[in-house]
Amino acid sequence: EDPFDQYMSQGNFGEVNPFEVNGRKAAVGVTAGS
């Protein structure tokens, strides 16, 4: 139920680094506090 852009904009991350895999949106991230 959470589209990628919405999921990534929730502000739950201490670190997040967007990238693409074969044209697909992706990101590597660590939850804030972790």
Full PDB file with SEQRES, HELIX, SHEET, SSBOND, CRYST1, ORIGX, SCALE, CONECT and MASTER records, all heavy atoms in Angstrom:
SEQRES   1 A   34  GLU ASP PRO PHE ASP GLN TYR MET SER GLN GLY ASN PHE          
SEQRES   2 A   34  GLY GLU VAL ASN PRO PHE GLU VAL ASN GLY ARG LYS ALA          
SEQRES   3 A   34  ALA VAL GLY VAL THR ALA GLY SER                              
HELIX    1 AA1 PHE A    4  MET A    8  1                                   5    
SHEET    1 AA1 2 PHE A  13  VAL A  21  0                                        
SHEET    2 AA1 2 ARG A  24  THR A  31 -1                                        
CRYST1    1.000    1.000    1.000  90.00  90.00  90.00 P 1           1          
ORIGX1      1.000000  0.000000  0.000000        0.00000                         
ORIGX2      0.000000  1.000000  0.000000        0.00000                         
ORIGX3      0.000000  0.000000  1.000000        0.00000                         
SCALE1      1.000000  0.000000  0.000000        0.00000                         
SCALE2      0.000000  1.000000  0.000000        0.00000                         
SCALE3      0.000000  0.000000  1.000000        0.00000                         
ATOM      1  N   GLU A   1       0.808  -1.224   0.000  1.00  0.00           N  
ATOM      2  CA  GLU A   1       0.000   0.000   0.000  1.00  0.00           C  
ATOM      3  C   GLU A   1       0.841   1.274   0.000  1.00  0.00           C  
ATOM      4  O   GLU A   1       0.295   2.367   0.008  1.00  0.00           O  
ATOM      5  CB  GLU A   1      -0.930   0.004   1.222  1.00  0.00           C  
ATOM      6  CG  GLU A   1      -1.840  -1.211   1.302  1.00  0.00           C  
ATOM      7  CD  GLU A   1      -2.779  -1.324   0.114  1.00  0.00           C  
ATOM      8  OE1 GLU A   1      -3.263  -0.287  -0.385  1.00  0.00           O  
ATOM      9  OE2 GLU A   1      -3.029  -2.468  -0.322  1.00  0.00           O  
ATOM     10  N   ASP A   2       2.163   1.146   0.020  1.00  0.00           N  
ATOM     11  CA  ASP A   2       3.040   2.313   0.100  1.00  0.00           C  
ATOM     12  C   ASP A   2       3.889   2.453  -1.148  1.00  0.00           C  
ATOM     13  O   ASP A   2       4.920   1.793  -1.281  1.00  0.00           O  
ATOM     14  CB  ASP A   2       3.963   2.201   1.323  1.00  0.00           C  
ATOM     15  CG  ASP A   2       3.218   2.331   2.625  1.00  0.00           C  
ATOM     16  OD1 ASP A   2       2.291   3.157   2.696  1.00  0.00           O  
ATOM     17  OD2 ASP A   2       3.569   1.610   3.585  1.00  0.00           O  
ATOM     18  N   PRO A   3       3.472   3.330  -2.079  1.00  0.00           N  
ATOM     19  CA  PRO A   3       4.312   3.581  -3.254  1.00  0.00           C  
ATOM     20  C   PRO A   3       5.711   4.013  -2.813  1.00  0.00           C  
ATOM     21  O   PRO A   3       5.879   4.649  -1.770  1.00  0.00           O  
ATOM     22  CB  PRO A   3       3.592   4.711  -3.989  1.00  0.00           C  
ATOM     23  CG  PRO A   3       2.169   4.626  -3.513  1.00  0.00           C  
ATOM     24  CD  PRO A   3       2.254   4.138  -2.086  1.00  0.00           C  
ATOM     25  N   PHE A   4       6.701   3.654  -3.606  1.00  0.00           N  
ATOM     26  CA  PHE A   4       8.103   3.896  -3.280  1.00  0.00           C  
ATOM     27  C   PHE A   4       8.369   5.322  -2.816  1.00  0.00           C  
ATOM     28  O   PHE A   4       8.964   5.532  -1.755  1.00  0.00           O  
ATOM     29  CB  PHE A   4       8.976   3.548  -4.494  1.00  0.00           C  
ATOM     30  CG  PHE A   4      10.435   3.768  -4.259  1.00  0.00           C  
ATOM     31  CD1 PHE A   4      11.199   2.800  -3.625  1.00  0.00           C  
ATOM     32  CD2 PHE A   4      11.057   4.932  -4.676  1.00  0.00           C  
ATOM     33  CE1 PHE A   4      12.557   2.994  -3.402  1.00  0.00           C  
ATOM     34  CE2 PHE A   4      12.409   5.136  -4.470  1.00  0.00           C  
ATOM     35  CZ  PHE A   4      13.159   4.171  -3.826  1.00  0.00           C  
ATOM     36  N   ASP A   5       7.966   6.324  -3.604  1.00  0.00           N  
ATOM     37  CA  ASP A   5       8.265   7.724  -3.245  1.00  0.00           C  
ATOM     38  C   ASP A   5       7.638   8.092  -1.904  1.00  0.00           C  
ATOM     39  O   ASP A   5       8.258   8.788  -1.092  1.00  0.00           O  
ATOM     40  CB  ASP A   5       7.796   8.681  -4.338  1.00  0.00           C  
ATOM     41  CG  ASP A   5       8.631   8.565  -5.610  1.00  0.00           C  
ATOM     42  OD1 ASP A   5       9.809   8.142  -5.527  1.00  0.00           O  
ATOM     43  OD2 ASP A   5       8.100   8.872  -6.697  1.00  0.00           O  
ATOM     44  N   GLN A   6       6.424   7.635  -1.664  1.00  0.00           N  
ATOM     45  CA  GLN A   6       5.757   7.903  -0.392  1.00  0.00           C  
ATOM     46  C   GLN A   6       6.490   7.209   0.753  1.00  0.00           C  
ATOM     47  O   GLN A   6       6.707   7.797   1.801  1.00  0.00           O  
ATOM     48  CB  GLN A   6       4.312   7.412  -0.466  1.00  0.00           C  
ATOM     49  CG  GLN A   6       3.530   7.568   0.821  1.00  0.00           C  
ATOM     50  CD  GLN A   6       2.136   6.985   0.697  1.00  0.00           C  
ATOM     51  OE1 GLN A   6       1.498   7.097  -0.344  1.00  0.00           O  
ATOM     52  NE2 GLN A   6       1.660   6.364   1.757  1.00  0.00           N  
ATOM     53  N   TYR A   7       6.869   5.970   0.541  1.00  0.00           N  
ATOM     54  CA  TYR A   7       7.578   5.206   1.575  1.00  0.00           C  
ATOM     55  C   TYR A   7       8.885   5.898   1.954  1.00  0.00           C  
ATOM     56  O   TYR A   7       9.211   6.022   3.132  1.00  0.00           O  
ATOM     57  CB  TYR A   7       7.845   3.786   1.074  1.00  0.00           C  
ATOM     58  CG  TYR A   7       8.289   2.846   2.160  1.00  0.00           C  
ATOM     59  CD1 TYR A   7       7.369   2.087   2.865  1.00  0.00           C  
ATOM     60  CD2 TYR A   7       9.634   2.725   2.494  1.00  0.00           C  
ATOM     61  CE1 TYR A   7       7.770   1.228   3.876  1.00  0.00           C  
ATOM     62  CE2 TYR A   7      10.043   1.866   3.507  1.00  0.00           C  
ATOM     63  CZ  TYR A   7       9.108   1.122   4.190  1.00  0.00           C  
ATOM     64  OH  TYR A   7       9.509   0.278   5.188  1.00  0.00           O  
ATOM     65  N   MET A   8       9.617   6.338   0.963  1.00  0.00           N  
ATOM     66  CA  MET A   8      10.913   6.955   1.205  1.00  0.00           C  
ATOM     67  C   MET A   8      10.797   8.347   1.832  1.00  0.00           C  
ATOM     68  O   MET A   8      11.744   8.825   2.432  1.00  0.00           O  
ATOM     69  CB  MET A   8      11.721   7.023  -0.088  1.00  0.00           C  
ATOM     70  CG  MET A   8      12.044   5.650  -0.686  1.00  0.00           C  
ATOM     71  SD  MET A   8      12.719   4.437   0.478  1.00  0.00           S  
ATOM     72  CE  MET A   8      14.216   5.239   1.002  1.00  0.00           C  
ATOM     73  N   SER A   9       9.639   8.998   1.705  1.00  0.00           N  
ATOM     74  CA  SER A   9       9.489  10.354   2.250  1.00  0.00           C  
ATOM     75  C   SER A   9       8.925  10.365   3.667  1.00  0.00           C  
ATOM     76  O   SER A   9       8.667  11.426   4.212  1.00  0.00           O  
ATOM     77  CB  SER A   9       8.588  11.181   1.322  1.00  0.00           C  
ATOM     78  OG  SER A   9       7.259  10.684   1.355  1.00  0.00           O  
ATOM     79  N   GLN A  10       8.779   9.208   4.299  1.00  0.00           N  
ATOM     80  CA  GLN A  10       8.194   9.144   5.640  1.00  0.00           C  
ATOM     81  C   GLN A  10       9.096   9.714   6.726  1.00  0.00           C  
ATOM     82  O   GLN A  10       8.649   9.957   7.835  1.00  0.00           O  
ATOM     83  CB  GLN A  10       7.839   7.689   5.990  1.00  0.00           C  
ATOM     84  CG  GLN A  10       6.733   7.133   5.151  1.00  0.00           C  
ATOM     85  CD  GLN A  10       6.496   5.656   5.437  1.00  0.00           C  
ATOM     86  OE1 GLN A  10       7.062   5.082   6.364  1.00  0.00           O  
ATOM     87  NE2 GLN A  10       5.661   5.050   4.626  1.00  0.00           N  
ATOM     88  N   GLY A  11      10.367   9.897   6.429  1.00  0.00           N  
ATOM     89  CA  GLY A  11      11.272  10.497   7.406  1.00  0.00           C  
ATOM     90  C   GLY A  11      11.756   9.553   8.491  1.00  0.00           C  
ATOM     91  O   GLY A  11      12.182   9.992   9.546  1.00  0.00           O  
ATOM     92  N   ASN A  12      11.700   8.243   8.220  1.00  0.00           N  
ATOM     93  CA  ASN A  12      12.125   7.252   9.208  1.00  0.00           C  
ATOM     94  C   ASN A  12      13.600   6.914   9.129  1.00  0.00           C  
ATOM     95  O   ASN A  12      14.057   6.039   9.855  1.00  0.00           O  
ATOM     96  CB  ASN A  12      11.344   5.939   9.001  1.00  0.00           C  
ATOM     97  CG  ASN A  12       9.871   6.116   9.195  1.00  0.00           C  
ATOM     98  OD1 ASN A  12       9.439   6.937   9.982  1.00  0.00           O  
ATOM     99  ND2 ASN A  12       9.093   5.354   8.467  1.00  0.00           N  
ATOM    100  N   PHE A  13      14.341   7.585   8.263  1.00  0.00           N  
ATOM    101  CA  PHE A  13      15.696   7.153   7.970  1.00  0.00           C  
ATOM    102  C   PHE A  13      16.744   8.113   8.488  1.00  0.00           C  
ATOM    103  O   PHE A  13      16.630   9.319   8.347  1.00  0.00           O  
ATOM    104  CB  PHE A  13      15.873   6.960   6.462  1.00  0.00           C  
ATOM    105  CG  PHE A  13      14.820   6.056   5.893  1.00  0.00           C  
ATOM    106  CD1 PHE A  13      13.769   6.563   5.151  1.00  0.00           C  
ATOM    107  CD2 PHE A  13      14.853   4.689   6.134  1.00  0.00           C  
ATOM    108  CE1 PHE A  13      12.777   5.728   4.659  1.00  0.00           C  
ATOM    109  CE2 PHE A  13      13.878   3.851   5.654  1.00  0.00           C  
ATOM    110  CZ  PHE A  13      12.838   4.365   4.919  1.00  0.00           C  
ATOM    111  N   GLY A  14      17.807   7.540   9.055  1.00  0.00           N  
ATOM    112  CA  GLY A  14      18.961   8.323   9.454  1.00  0.00           C  
ATOM    113  C   GLY A  14      19.872   8.541   8.264  1.00  0.00           C  
ATOM    114  O   GLY A  14      20.516   9.569   8.139  1.00  0.00           O  
ATOM    115  N   GLU A  15      19.913   7.547   7.379  1.00  0.00           N  
ATOM    116  CA  GLU A  15      20.717   7.610   6.153  1.00  0.00           C  
ATOM    117  C   GLU A  15      19.875   7.029   5.031  1.00  0.00           C  
ATOM    118  O   GLU A  15      19.185   6.039   5.221  1.00  0.00           O  
ATOM    119  CB  GLU A  15      21.970   6.737   6.275  1.00  0.00           C  
ATOM    120  CG  GLU A  15      22.909   7.083   7.385  1.00  0.00           C  
ATOM    121  CD  GLU A  15      24.024   6.039   7.521  1.00  0.00           C  
ATOM    122  OE1 GLU A  15      24.303   5.313   6.534  1.00  0.00           O  
ATOM    123  OE2 GLU A  15      24.589   5.947   8.605  1.00  0.00           O  
ATOM    124  N   VAL A  16      19.956   7.628   3.860  1.00  0.00           N  
ATOM    125  CA  VAL A  16      19.306   7.054   2.687  1.00  0.00           C  
ATOM    126  C   VAL A  16      20.060   7.515   1.442  1.00  0.00           C  
ATOM    127  O   VAL A  16      20.416   8.689   1.324  1.00  0.00           O  
ATOM    128  CB  VAL A  16      17.803   7.403   2.612  1.00  0.00           C  
ATOM    129  CG1 VAL A  16      17.555   8.879   2.409  1.00  0.00           C  
ATOM    130  CG2 VAL A  16      17.093   6.579   1.576  1.00  0.00           C  
ATOM    131  N   ASN A  17      20.349   6.568   0.566  1.00  0.00           N  
ATOM    132  CA  ASN A  17      21.079   6.868  -0.659  1.00  0.00           C  
ATOM    133  C   ASN A  17      20.333   6.287  -1.853  1.00  0.00           C  
ATOM    134  O   ASN A  17      20.344   5.067  -2.050  1.00  0.00           O  
ATOM    135  CB  ASN A  17      22.492   6.267  -0.586  1.00  0.00           C  
ATOM    136  CG  ASN A  17      23.285   6.868   0.546  1.00  0.00           C  
ATOM    137  OD1 ASN A  17      23.494   8.066   0.594  1.00  0.00           O  
ATOM    138  ND2 ASN A  17      23.706   6.042   1.481  1.00  0.00           N  
ATOM    139  N   PRO A  18      19.683   7.147  -2.636  1.00  0.00           N  
ATOM    140  CA  PRO A  18      18.937   6.656  -3.799  1.00  0.00           C  
ATOM    141  C   PRO A  18      19.859   6.184  -4.919  1.00  0.00           C  
ATOM    142  O   PRO A  18      20.977   6.669  -5.055  1.00  0.00           O  
ATOM    143  CB  PRO A  18      18.115   7.869  -4.247  1.00  0.00           C  
ATOM    144  CG  PRO A  18      18.677   9.043  -3.547  1.00  0.00           C  
ATOM    145  CD  PRO A  18      19.563   8.576  -2.447  1.00  0.00           C  
ATOM    146  N   PHE A  19      19.381   5.229  -5.690  1.00  0.00           N  
ATOM    147  CA  PHE A  19      20.065   4.748  -6.881  1.00  0.00           C  
ATOM    148  C   PHE A  19      19.027   4.073  -7.772  1.00  0.00           C  
ATOM    149  O   PHE A  19      17.837   4.089  -7.450  1.00  0.00           O  
ATOM    150  CB  PHE A  19      21.231   3.806  -6.526  1.00  0.00           C  
ATOM    151  CG  PHE A  19      20.834   2.481  -5.930  1.00  0.00           C  
ATOM    152  CD1 PHE A  19      20.838   1.327  -6.711  1.00  0.00           C  
ATOM    153  CD2 PHE A  19      20.479   2.369  -4.596  1.00  0.00           C  
ATOM    154  CE1 PHE A  19      20.484   0.101  -6.156  1.00  0.00           C  
ATOM    155  CE2 PHE A  19      20.139   1.150  -4.039  1.00  0.00           C  
ATOM    156  CZ  PHE A  19      20.136   0.009  -4.828  1.00  0.00           C  
ATOM    157  N   GLU A  20      19.437   3.530  -8.888  1.00  0.00           N  
ATOM    158  CA  GLU A  20      18.542   2.799  -9.781  1.00  0.00           C  
ATOM    159  C   GLU A  20      19.139   1.446 -10.088  1.00  0.00           C  
ATOM    160  O   GLU A  20      20.355   1.288 -10.150  1.00  0.00           O  
ATOM    161  CB  GLU A  20      18.318   3.556 -11.096  1.00  0.00           C  
ATOM    162  CG  GLU A  20      17.404   4.738 -10.967  1.00  0.00           C  
ATOM    163  CD  GLU A  20      17.018   5.324 -12.332  1.00  0.00           C  
ATOM    164  OE1 GLU A  20      17.407   4.775 -13.379  1.00  0.00           O  
ATOM    165  OE2 GLU A  20      16.325   6.349 -12.323  1.00  0.00           O  
ATOM    166  N   VAL A  21      18.252   0.463 -10.283  1.00  0.00           N  
ATOM    167  CA  VAL A  21      18.645  -0.867 -10.730  1.00  0.00           C  
ATOM    168  C   VAL A  21      17.844  -1.145 -12.000  1.00  0.00           C  
ATOM    169  O   VAL A  21      16.626  -1.241 -11.945  1.00  0.00           O  
ATOM    170  CB  VAL A  21      18.328  -1.947  -9.675  1.00  0.00           C  
ATOM    171  CG1 VAL A  21      18.771  -3.322 -10.170  1.00  0.00           C  
ATOM    172  CG2 VAL A  21      18.965  -1.635  -8.342  1.00  0.00           C  
ATOM    173  N   ASN A  22      18.512  -1.208 -13.135  1.00  0.00           N  
ATOM    174  CA  ASN A  22      17.838  -1.450 -14.419  1.00  0.00           C  
ATOM    175  C   ASN A  22      16.682  -0.483 -14.651  1.00  0.00           C  
ATOM    176  O   ASN A  22      15.624  -0.876 -15.124  1.00  0.00           O  
ATOM    177  CB  ASN A  22      17.350  -2.897 -14.510  1.00  0.00           C  
ATOM    178  CG  ASN A  22      18.491  -3.876 -14.494  1.00  0.00           C  
ATOM    179  OD1 ASN A  22      19.551  -3.633 -15.057  1.00  0.00           O  
ATOM    180  ND2 ASN A  22      18.281  -5.001 -13.829  1.00  0.00           N  
ATOM    181  N   GLY A  23      16.860   0.773 -14.266  1.00  0.00           N  
ATOM    182  CA  GLY A  23      15.837   1.791 -14.460  1.00  0.00           C  
ATOM    183  C   GLY A  23      14.780   1.822 -13.369  1.00  0.00           C  
ATOM    184  O   GLY A  23      13.893   2.663 -13.385  1.00  0.00           O  
ATOM    185  N   ARG A  24      14.845   0.933 -12.408  1.00  0.00           N  
ATOM    186  CA  ARG A  24      13.878   0.880 -11.304  1.00  0.00           C  
ATOM    187  C   ARG A  24      14.398   1.735 -10.150  1.00  0.00           C  
ATOM    188  O   ARG A  24      15.564   1.643  -9.775  1.00  0.00           O  
ATOM    189  CB  ARG A  24      13.717  -0.563 -10.839  1.00  0.00           C  
ATOM    190  CG  ARG A  24      12.661  -0.753  -9.753  1.00  0.00           C  
ATOM    191  CD  ARG A  24      12.654  -2.175  -9.208  1.00  0.00           C  
ATOM    192  NE  ARG A  24      12.441  -3.186 -10.201  1.00  0.00           N  
ATOM    193  CZ  ARG A  24      11.273  -3.761 -10.493  1.00  0.00           C  
ATOM    194  NH1 ARG A  24      10.193  -3.377  -9.846  1.00  0.00           N  
ATOM    195  NH2 ARG A  24      11.204  -4.705 -11.403  1.00  0.00           N  
ATOM    196  N   LYS A  25      13.511   2.537  -9.546  1.00  0.00           N  
ATOM    197  CA  LYS A  25      13.897   3.333  -8.387  1.00  0.00           C  
ATOM    198  C   LYS A  25      14.277   2.415  -7.234  1.00  0.00           C  
ATOM    199  O   LYS A  25      13.612   1.408  -6.970  1.00  0.00           O  
ATOM    200  CB  LYS A  25      12.737   4.221  -7.932  1.00  0.00           C  
ATOM    201  CG  LYS A  25      12.397   5.328  -8.871  1.00  0.00           C  
ATOM    202  CD  LYS A  25      11.237   6.121  -8.297  1.00  0.00           C  
ATOM    203  CE  LYS A  25      10.742   7.166  -9.253  1.00  0.00           C  
ATOM    204  NZ  LYS A  25       9.579   7.895  -8.691  1.00  0.00           N  
ATOM    205  N   ALA A  26      15.335   2.800  -6.545  1.00  0.00           N  
ATOM    206  CA  ALA A  26      15.808   2.033  -5.400  1.00  0.00           C  
ATOM    207  C   ALA A  26      16.533   2.981  -4.445  1.00  0.00           C  
ATOM    208  O   ALA A  26      16.862   4.116  -4.807  1.00  0.00           O  
ATOM    209  CB  ALA A  26      16.753   0.921  -5.864  1.00  0.00           C  
ATOM    210  N   ALA A  27      16.761   2.505  -3.246  1.00  0.00           N  
ATOM    211  CA  ALA A  27      17.523   3.273  -2.260  1.00  0.00           C  
ATOM    212  C   ALA A  27      18.074   2.308  -1.224  1.00  0.00           C  
ATOM    213  O   ALA A  27      17.482   1.267  -0.948  1.00  0.00           O  
ATOM    214  CB  ALA A  27      16.638   4.320  -1.578  1.00  0.00           C  
ATOM    215  N   VAL A  28      19.216   2.687  -0.671  1.00  0.00           N  
ATOM    216  CA  VAL A  28      19.802   1.971   0.456  1.00  0.00           C  
ATOM    217  C   VAL A  28      19.616   2.883   1.661  1.00  0.00           C  
ATOM    218  O   VAL A  28      19.891   4.079   1.582  1.00  0.00           O  
ATOM    219  CB  VAL A  28      21.301   1.677   0.223  1.00  0.00           C  
ATOM    220  CG1 VAL A  28      21.937   1.091   1.476  1.00  0.00           C  
ATOM    221  CG2 VAL A  28      21.495   0.744  -0.951  1.00  0.00           C  
ATOM    222  N   GLY A  29      19.139   2.313   2.765  1.00  0.00           N  
ATOM    223  CA  GLY A  29      18.907   3.160   3.918  1.00  0.00           C  
ATOM    224  C   GLY A  29      19.012   2.443   5.238  1.00  0.00           C  
ATOM    225  O   GLY A  29      18.928   1.219   5.321  1.00  0.00           O  
ATOM    226  N   VAL A  30      19.199   3.254   6.274  1.00  0.00           N  
ATOM    227  CA  VAL A  30      19.267   2.780   7.643  1.00  0.00           C  
ATOM    228  C   VAL A  30      18.237   3.570   8.431  1.00  0.00           C  
ATOM    229  O   VAL A  30      18.189   4.797   8.355  1.00  0.00           O  
ATOM    230  CB  VAL A  30      20.676   2.995   8.239  1.00  0.00           C  
ATOM    231  CG1 VAL A  30      20.723   2.576   9.696  1.00  0.00           C  
ATOM    232  CG2 VAL A  30      21.722   2.256   7.422  1.00  0.00           C  
ATOM    233  N   THR A  31      17.405   2.869   9.177  1.00  0.00           N  
ATOM    234  CA  THR A  31      16.392   3.516   9.992  1.00  0.00           C  
ATOM    235  C   THR A  31      17.043   4.415  11.038  1.00  0.00           C  
ATOM    236  O   THR A  31      18.060   4.038  11.627  1.00  0.00           O  
ATOM    237  CB  THR A  31      15.520   2.461  10.705  1.00  0.00           C  
ATOM    238  OG1 THR A  31      14.900   1.643   9.730  1.00  0.00           O  
ATOM    239  CG2 THR A  31      14.466   3.093  11.572  1.00  0.00           C  
ATOM    240  N   ALA A  32      16.444   5.569  11.265  1.00  0.00           N  
ATOM    241  CA  ALA A  32      16.948   6.483  12.289  1.00  0.00           C  
ATOM    242  C   ALA A  32      17.055   5.740  13.612  1.00  0.00           C  
ATOM    243  O   ALA A  32      16.144   5.027  14.017  1.00  0.00           O  
ATOM    244  CB  ALA A  32      16.017   7.682  12.426  1.00  0.00           C  
ATOM    245  N   GLY A  33      18.199   5.870  14.262  1.00  0.00           N  
ATOM    246  CA  GLY A  33      18.451   5.196  15.516  1.00  0.00           C  
ATOM    247  C   GLY A  33      19.154   3.857  15.359  1.00  0.00           C  
ATOM    248  O   GLY A  33      19.631   3.287  16.330  1.00  0.00           O  
ATOM    249  N   SER A  34      19.212   3.345  14.121  1.00  0.00           N  
ATOM    250  CA  SER A  34      19.865   2.051  13.883  1.00  0.00           C  
ATOM    251  C   SER A  34      21.239   2.210  13.247  1.00  0.00           C  
ATOM    252  O   SER A  34      21.887   1.210  12.934  1.00  0.00           O  
ATOM    253  CB  SER A  34      18.997   1.185  12.973  1.00  0.00           C  
ATOM    254  OG  SER A  34      17.806   0.844  13.615  1.00  0.00           O  
TER     255      SER A  34                                                      
MASTER        0    0    0    1    2    0    0    6  254    1    0    3          
END                                                                             
